[in-house]
């Protein structure tokens, strides 16, 4: 279906507007002032499709190309979700490490308390043994003195026995005469 009259003029003005905007941008880059509409942001030049007619006849409308933001947004969202899972795992592992250390510290503390109790008991028992030994020391000293006396008595008994044997031998000698 071919456009006629007003429709063709409207289509022609629409198709020439991007060219006017791009010409204005090029003029602004070159240092000359260009008439731009203040409410429109500057746009990048829109490439024309091959086979587009520029002779003022019927032109085909170009399809607006949107940037690949949905893919980038999806990828970013996916990345953030995975990063959140990774960080959550790291934090969970760190928390579990700290809990393990806390439990190990508690167990170590309990073991040291048990060892402290054992050492206190050993110390108390050693002190009791020292006190008992100190209380038995006079008796041990008496036993040592008695042992010395028994040794001297034994020596005296041996000497007395030897002397009595000599006397007996003399007596028998005198008796035989």
Protein backbone atom coordinates (compact mmCIF):
# COMPACT_ATOMS: atom_id res chain seq x y z
CA UNK A 1 0.00 0.00 0.00
CA UNK A 2 1.55 3.28 -1.10
CA UNK A 3 1.34 6.44 0.97
CA UNK A 4 -0.21 9.50 -0.62
CA UNK A 5 -0.35 13.21 0.12
CA UNK A 6 -0.19 14.13 3.80
CA UNK A 7 0.91 10.64 4.83
CA UNK A 8 3.89 10.76 2.48
CA UNK A 9 4.88 14.19 3.76
CA UNK A 10 4.66 13.00 7.39
CA UNK A 11 6.73 9.92 6.60
CA UNK A 12 9.25 12.05 4.77
CA UNK A 13 9.61 14.41 7.77
CA UNK A 14 9.99 11.46 10.12
CA UNK A 15 12.65 9.88 7.97
CA UNK A 16 14.59 13.14 7.66
CA UNK A 17 14.47 14.06 11.36
CA UNK A 18 17.24 11.65 12.43
CA UNK A 19 19.41 13.02 9.65
CA UNK A 20 18.79 16.56 10.90
CA UNK A 21 19.67 15.56 14.47
CA UNK A 22 22.85 13.81 13.36
CA UNK A 23 23.78 16.85 11.25
CA UNK A 24 23.24 19.02 14.34
CA UNK A 25 25.46 16.76 16.39
CA UNK A 26 28.19 16.87 13.78
CA UNK A 27 27.93 20.64 13.63
CA UNK A 28 28.18 20.84 17.45
CA UNK A 29 31.27 18.68 17.38
CA UNK A 30 32.77 20.94 14.74
CA UNK A 31 32.29 24.02 16.92
CA UNK A 32 29.29 25.61 15.19
CA UNK A 33 26.00 26.08 16.95
CA UNK A 34 23.15 23.85 15.91
CA UNK A 35 19.50 24.18 16.61
CA UNK A 36 18.49 21.37 18.95
CA UNK A 37 15.38 20.85 20.90
CA UNK A 38 16.11 21.40 24.60
CA UNK A 39 13.86 18.55 25.80
CA UNK A 40 15.49 15.83 23.63
CA UNK A 41 18.80 14.29 24.71
CA UNK A 42 21.44 13.90 22.01
CA UNK A 43 21.00 10.65 20.15
CA UNK A 44 23.48 8.51 18.32
CA UNK A 45 23.05 8.42 14.53
CA UNK A 46 20.72 5.62 13.47
CA UNK A 47 22.20 3.54 10.66
CA UNK A 48 19.96 3.08 7.67
CA UNK A 49 19.09 -0.33 6.39
CA UNK A 50 20.59 -1.27 3.08
CA UNK A 51 18.14 -0.79 0.31
CA UNK A 52 16.47 2.23 1.91
CA UNK A 53 15.25 4.72 -0.62
CA UNK A 54 16.59 8.27 -0.23
CA UNK A 55 14.90 9.73 -3.32
CA UNK A 56 11.92 11.05 -1.35
CA UNK A 57 9.69 8.16 -2.23
CA UNK A 58 8.23 5.69 0.18
CA UNK A 59 10.74 4.74 2.81
CA UNK A 60 10.65 1.78 5.09
CA UNK A 61 10.53 2.29 8.83
CA UNK A 62 13.56 1.10 10.75
CA UNK A 63 13.17 -1.20 13.71
CA UNK A 64 14.32 0.32 16.96
CA UNK A 65 17.21 -1.68 18.35
CA UNK A 66 17.32 -1.84 22.15
CA UNK A 67 20.61 -2.41 23.85
CA UNK A 68 21.31 -5.85 25.27
CA UNK A 69 20.45 -4.70 28.76
CA UNK A 70 18.06 -7.53 29.63
CA UNK A 71 20.85 -10.04 29.09
CA UNK A 72 23.32 -7.90 31.02
CA UNK A 73 20.76 -7.38 33.76
CA UNK A 74 20.06 -11.10 33.91
CA UNK A 75 23.75 -11.88 34.00
CA UNK A 76 24.37 -9.27 36.69
CA UNK A 77 21.46 -10.55 38.73
CA UNK A 78 22.71 -14.12 38.33
CA UNK A 79 26.23 -13.03 39.27
CA UNK A 80 24.99 -11.20 42.38
CA UNK A 81 22.90 -14.21 43.44
CA UNK A 82 25.86 -16.55 43.02
CA UNK A 83 28.18 -14.10 44.75
CA UNK A 84 25.69 -13.84 47.61
CA UNK A 85 25.59 -17.63 47.88
CA UNK A 86 29.40 -17.78 47.80
CA UNK A 87 29.77 -15.06 50.44
CA UNK A 88 27.07 -16.68 52.56
CA UNK A 89 29.00 -19.95 52.36
CA UNK A 90 32.26 -18.21 53.27
CA UNK A 91 30.62 -16.46 56.23
CA UNK A 92 28.98 -19.70 57.33
CA UNK A 93 32.32 -21.51 57.15
CA UNK A 94 33.99 -18.71 59.11
CA UNK A 95 31.24 -18.81 61.75
CA UNK A 96 31.59 -22.58 62.01
CA UNK A 97 35.36 -22.19 62.37
CA UNK A 98 34.84 -19.72 65.19
CA UNK A 99 32.32 -22.04 66.86
CA UNK A 100 34.81 -24.89 66.57
CA UNK A 101 37.53 -22.73 68.10
CA UNK A 102 35.17 -21.69 70.86
CA UNK A 103 34.33 -25.32 71.63
CA UNK A 104 38.00 -26.28 71.53
CA UNK A 105 38.81 -23.41 73.92
CA UNK A 106 36.06 -24.53 76.30
CA UNK A 107 37.32 -28.12 76.24
CA UNK A 108 40.90 -26.97 76.75
CA UNK A 109 39.78 -24.78 79.63
CA UNK A 110 37.98 -27.74 81.21
CA UNK A 111 41.06 -29.95 80.78
CA UNK A 112 43.24 -27.29 82.39
CA UNK A 113 40.77 -26.99 85.27
CA UNK A 114 40.89 -30.78 85.74
CA UNK A 115 44.69 -30.70 85.64
CA UNK A 116 44.65 -27.84 88.16
CA UNK A 117 42.43 -29.87 90.49
CA UNK A 118 44.68 -32.90 90.10
CA UNK A 119 47.80 -30.84 90.79
CA UNK A 120 46.15 -29.27 93.85
CA UNK A 121 45.28 -32.76 95.14
CA UNK A 122 48.82 -33.98 94.47
CA UNK A 123 50.25 -30.95 96.23
CA UNK A 124 47.93 -31.46 99.20
CA UNK A 125 48.83 -35.17 99.41
CA UNK A 126 52.54 -34.38 99.17
CA UNK A 127 52.22 -31.83 101.94
CA UNK A 128 50.36 -34.41 104.08
CA UNK A 129 53.12 -36.95 103.43
CA UNK A 130 55.78 -34.39 104.37
CA UNK A 131 53.90 -33.59 107.58
CA UNK A 132 53.60 -37.32 108.43
CA UNK A 133 57.29 -37.85 107.70
CA UNK A 134 58.13 -34.88 109.93
CA UNK A 135 55.97 -36.34 112.69
CA UNK A 136 57.67 -39.75 112.28
CA UNK A 137 61.19 -38.28 112.22
CA UNK A 138 61.75 -38.53 116.00
CA UNK A 139 60.77 -42.20 115.89
CA UNK A 140 63.05 -42.78 112.91
CA UNK A 141 65.88 -41.11 114.84
CA UNK A 142 65.17 -43.44 117.80
CA UNK A 143 65.20 -46.45 115.46
CA UNK A 144 68.59 -45.33 114.11
CA UNK A 145 69.95 -44.98 117.67
CA UNK A 146 68.59 -48.41 118.63
CA UNK A 147 70.18 -49.89 115.51
CA UNK A 148 73.53 -48.35 116.47
CA UNK A 149 73.17 -49.69 120.02
CA UNK A 150 72.22 -53.15 118.71
CA UNK A 151 75.34 -53.08 116.50
CA UNK A 152 77.54 -52.13 119.45
CA UNK A 153 75.85 -54.79 121.61
CA UNK A 154 76.40 -57.35 118.87
CA UNK A 155 80.08 -56.41 118.73
CA UNK A 156 80.24 -56.66 122.49
CA UNK A 157 78.51 -60.07 122.36
CA UNK A 158 81.05 -61.31 119.79
CA UNK A 159 83.90 -60.05 121.96
CA UNK A 160 82.32 -61.65 125.04
CA UNK A 161 81.86 -64.91 123.17
CA UNK A 162 85.47 -64.86 122.04
CA UNK A 163 86.64 -64.06 125.56
CA UNK A 164 84.46 -66.80 127.04
CA UNK A 165 85.95 -69.32 124.59
CA UNK A 166 89.44 -68.27 125.63
CA UNK A 167 88.48 -68.65 129.30
CA UNK A 168 86.99 -72.04 128.61
CA UNK A 169 90.10 -73.12 126.83
CA UNK A 170 92.25 -71.93 129.77
CA UNK A 171 90.01 -73.58 132.28
CA UNK A 172 90.26 -76.87 130.45
CA UNK A 173 93.96 -76.46 130.25
CA UNK A 174 94.19 -75.86 134.00
CA UNK A 175 91.87 -78.70 134.71
CA UNK A 176 94.06 -81.14 132.86
CA UNK A 177 97.00 -80.41 134.99
